[in-house]
Amino acid sequence: MQARGFTIIELIVVMTVLALLLTIAAPRYLQHIDAAKEAALQENLHVLRDAIDKFYSDRGAYPATLQDLVEQRYLRNLPVDPVTERLDTWVLIAPKGSGRGVFDVKSGAKGAARDGSLFASW
């Protein structure tokens, strides 16, 4: 009885083809992950800013912290910064003049987006 199987040459050819396919697919995959993080960051900033505006509209004052938005049920929970993957990197901006409360919020992520703009400027 003769043994059946693949030769070493056949295995090398298959591995080479797989490696070639991975070198084409991996960069595109990583670009899509970066695009998704940027889109999620923009959406989270929009949601936070909208909640701050509604809080101010209802109460006539800005929230002292972002956690106030959760406690007063303007948000279910504080969104994560998708770029840093943390809750504590949001940069809080106080209103001009009084200097108390949260007027705006920005990302504390270092670096730039795919379009060259800094995450901190969003």
Protein backbone atom coordinates (compact mmCIF):
# COMPACT_ATOMS: atom_id res chain seq x y z
CA MET A 1 0.00 0.00 0.00
CA GLN A 2 1.32 3.40 -1.00
CA ALA A 3 1.08 6.37 1.40
CA ARG A 4 -0.92 9.35 0.18
CA GLY A 5 -0.26 12.95 1.12
CA PHE A 6 1.06 16.27 -0.05
CA THR A 7 4.60 16.83 -1.12
CA ILE A 8 6.71 19.51 0.51
CA ILE A 9 6.59 21.55 -2.72
CA GLU A 10 2.78 21.53 -2.73
CA LEU A 11 2.70 22.67 0.89
CA ILE A 12 5.18 25.49 0.19
CA VAL A 13 3.10 26.68 -2.78
CA VAL A 14 -0.10 26.72 -0.70
CA MET A 15 1.62 28.58 2.16
CA THR A 16 3.02 31.14 -0.32
CA VAL A 17 -0.41 31.78 -1.80
CA LEU A 18 -1.93 32.20 1.67
CA ALA A 19 0.85 34.61 2.69
CA LEU A 20 0.27 36.64 -0.47
CA LEU A 21 -3.46 36.87 0.20
CA LEU A 22 -2.82 37.96 3.79
CA THR A 23 -0.45 40.72 2.71
CA ILE A 24 -3.20 42.10 0.49
CA ALA A 25 -6.07 41.73 2.97
CA ALA A 26 -4.44 42.75 6.28
CA PRO A 27 -3.79 46.45 5.49
CA ARG A 28 -7.34 46.90 4.17
CA TYR A 29 -8.70 45.30 7.33
CA LEU A 30 -6.69 47.63 9.55
CA GLN A 31 -7.86 50.67 7.54
CA HIS A 32 -11.46 49.65 8.11
CA ILE A 33 -10.87 49.31 11.84
CA ASP A 34 -9.42 52.83 11.97
CA ALA A 35 -12.35 54.19 9.96
CA ALA A 36 -14.82 52.51 12.32
CA LYS A 37 -13.09 53.98 15.39
CA GLU A 38 -13.20 57.45 13.86
CA ALA A 39 -16.89 57.11 13.03
CA ALA A 40 -17.65 55.86 16.55
CA LEU A 41 -15.70 58.76 18.06
CA GLN A 42 -17.65 61.28 16.00
CA GLU A 43 -20.93 59.68 17.04
CA ASN A 44 -19.95 59.56 20.73
CA LEU A 45 -18.96 63.23 20.66
CA HIS A 46 -22.27 64.11 19.02
CA VAL A 47 -24.23 62.17 21.65
CA LEU A 48 -22.30 63.74 24.53
CA ARG A 49 -22.70 67.27 23.16
CA ASP A 50 -26.40 66.71 22.55
CA ALA A 51 -26.87 65.47 26.13
CA ILE A 52 -24.98 68.49 27.50
CA ASP A 53 -27.20 70.83 25.47
CA LYS A 54 -30.38 69.12 26.68
CA PHE A 55 -29.15 69.25 30.28
CA TYR A 56 -28.50 72.99 29.94
CA SER A 57 -31.86 73.55 28.25
CA ASP A 58 -33.76 71.75 31.01
CA ARG A 59 -31.83 73.01 34.05
CA GLY A 60 -30.33 76.34 33.01
CA ALA A 61 -26.84 75.24 34.06
CA TYR A 62 -24.18 72.99 32.64
CA PRO A 63 -23.49 69.63 34.31
CA ALA A 64 -20.61 69.65 36.79
CA THR A 65 -19.27 66.37 35.40
CA LEU A 66 -20.13 63.94 32.65
CA GLN A 67 -21.33 61.53 35.31
CA ASP A 68 -24.14 64.02 36.09
CA LEU A 69 -25.55 63.28 32.64
CA VAL A 70 -25.81 59.61 33.58
CA GLU A 71 -27.20 60.26 37.06
CA GLN A 72 -29.89 62.57 35.68
CA ARG A 73 -30.69 60.04 32.92
CA TYR A 74 -29.62 62.10 29.94
CA LEU A 75 -27.37 59.17 29.06
CA ARG A 76 -27.65 55.51 30.01
CA ASN A 77 -23.92 55.29 30.53
CA LEU A 78 -20.87 57.29 29.66
CA PRO A 79 -19.57 56.33 26.21
CA VAL A 80 -16.04 55.05 25.81
CA ASP A 81 -13.58 56.99 23.70
CA PRO A 82 -13.13 54.39 20.92
CA VAL A 83 -9.63 55.56 20.02
CA THR A 84 -8.20 55.32 23.54
CA GLU A 85 -10.72 52.64 24.60
CA ARG A 86 -11.09 54.37 27.98
CA LEU A 87 -13.73 56.37 29.84
CA ASP A 88 -11.37 58.76 31.59
CA THR A 89 -9.71 60.38 28.58
CA TRP A 90 -12.50 62.80 27.68
CA VAL A 91 -11.31 66.40 27.87
CA LEU A 92 -13.91 68.60 29.55
CA ILE A 93 -14.23 72.22 28.46
CA ALA A 94 -15.77 74.71 30.86
CA PRO A 95 -18.02 77.53 29.66
CA LYS A 96 -16.33 80.89 29.12
CA GLY A 97 -16.86 83.35 31.90
CA SER A 98 -18.09 81.20 34.77
CA GLY A 99 -15.49 78.47 34.41
CA ARG A 100 -17.78 75.91 36.09
CA GLY A 101 -19.45 72.92 34.54
CA VAL A 102 -19.02 71.03 31.30
CA PHE A 103 -19.76 73.19 28.25
CA ASP A 104 -18.13 70.92 25.67
CA VAL A 105 -16.16 67.71 25.45
CA LYS A 106 -13.30 66.61 23.22
CA SER A 107 -11.35 63.42 22.79
CA GLY A 108 -8.16 62.98 24.75
CA ALA A 109 -6.76 60.67 22.09
CA LYS A 110 -3.27 61.43 20.84
CA GLY A 111 -2.54 61.48 17.15
CA ALA A 112 -4.40 62.31 14.01
CA ALA A 113 -7.28 60.89 12.04
CA ARG A 114 -6.95 59.54 8.53
CA ASP A 115 -7.74 62.99 7.10
CA GLY A 116 -4.86 64.55 9.07
CA SER A 117 -6.95 66.41 11.65
CA LEU A 118 -6.05 65.88 15.30
CA PHE A 119 -8.48 63.85 17.40
CA ALA A 120 -8.13 66.49 20.13
CA SER A 121 -9.58 69.13 17.79
CA TRP A 122 -12.86 67.29 17.15
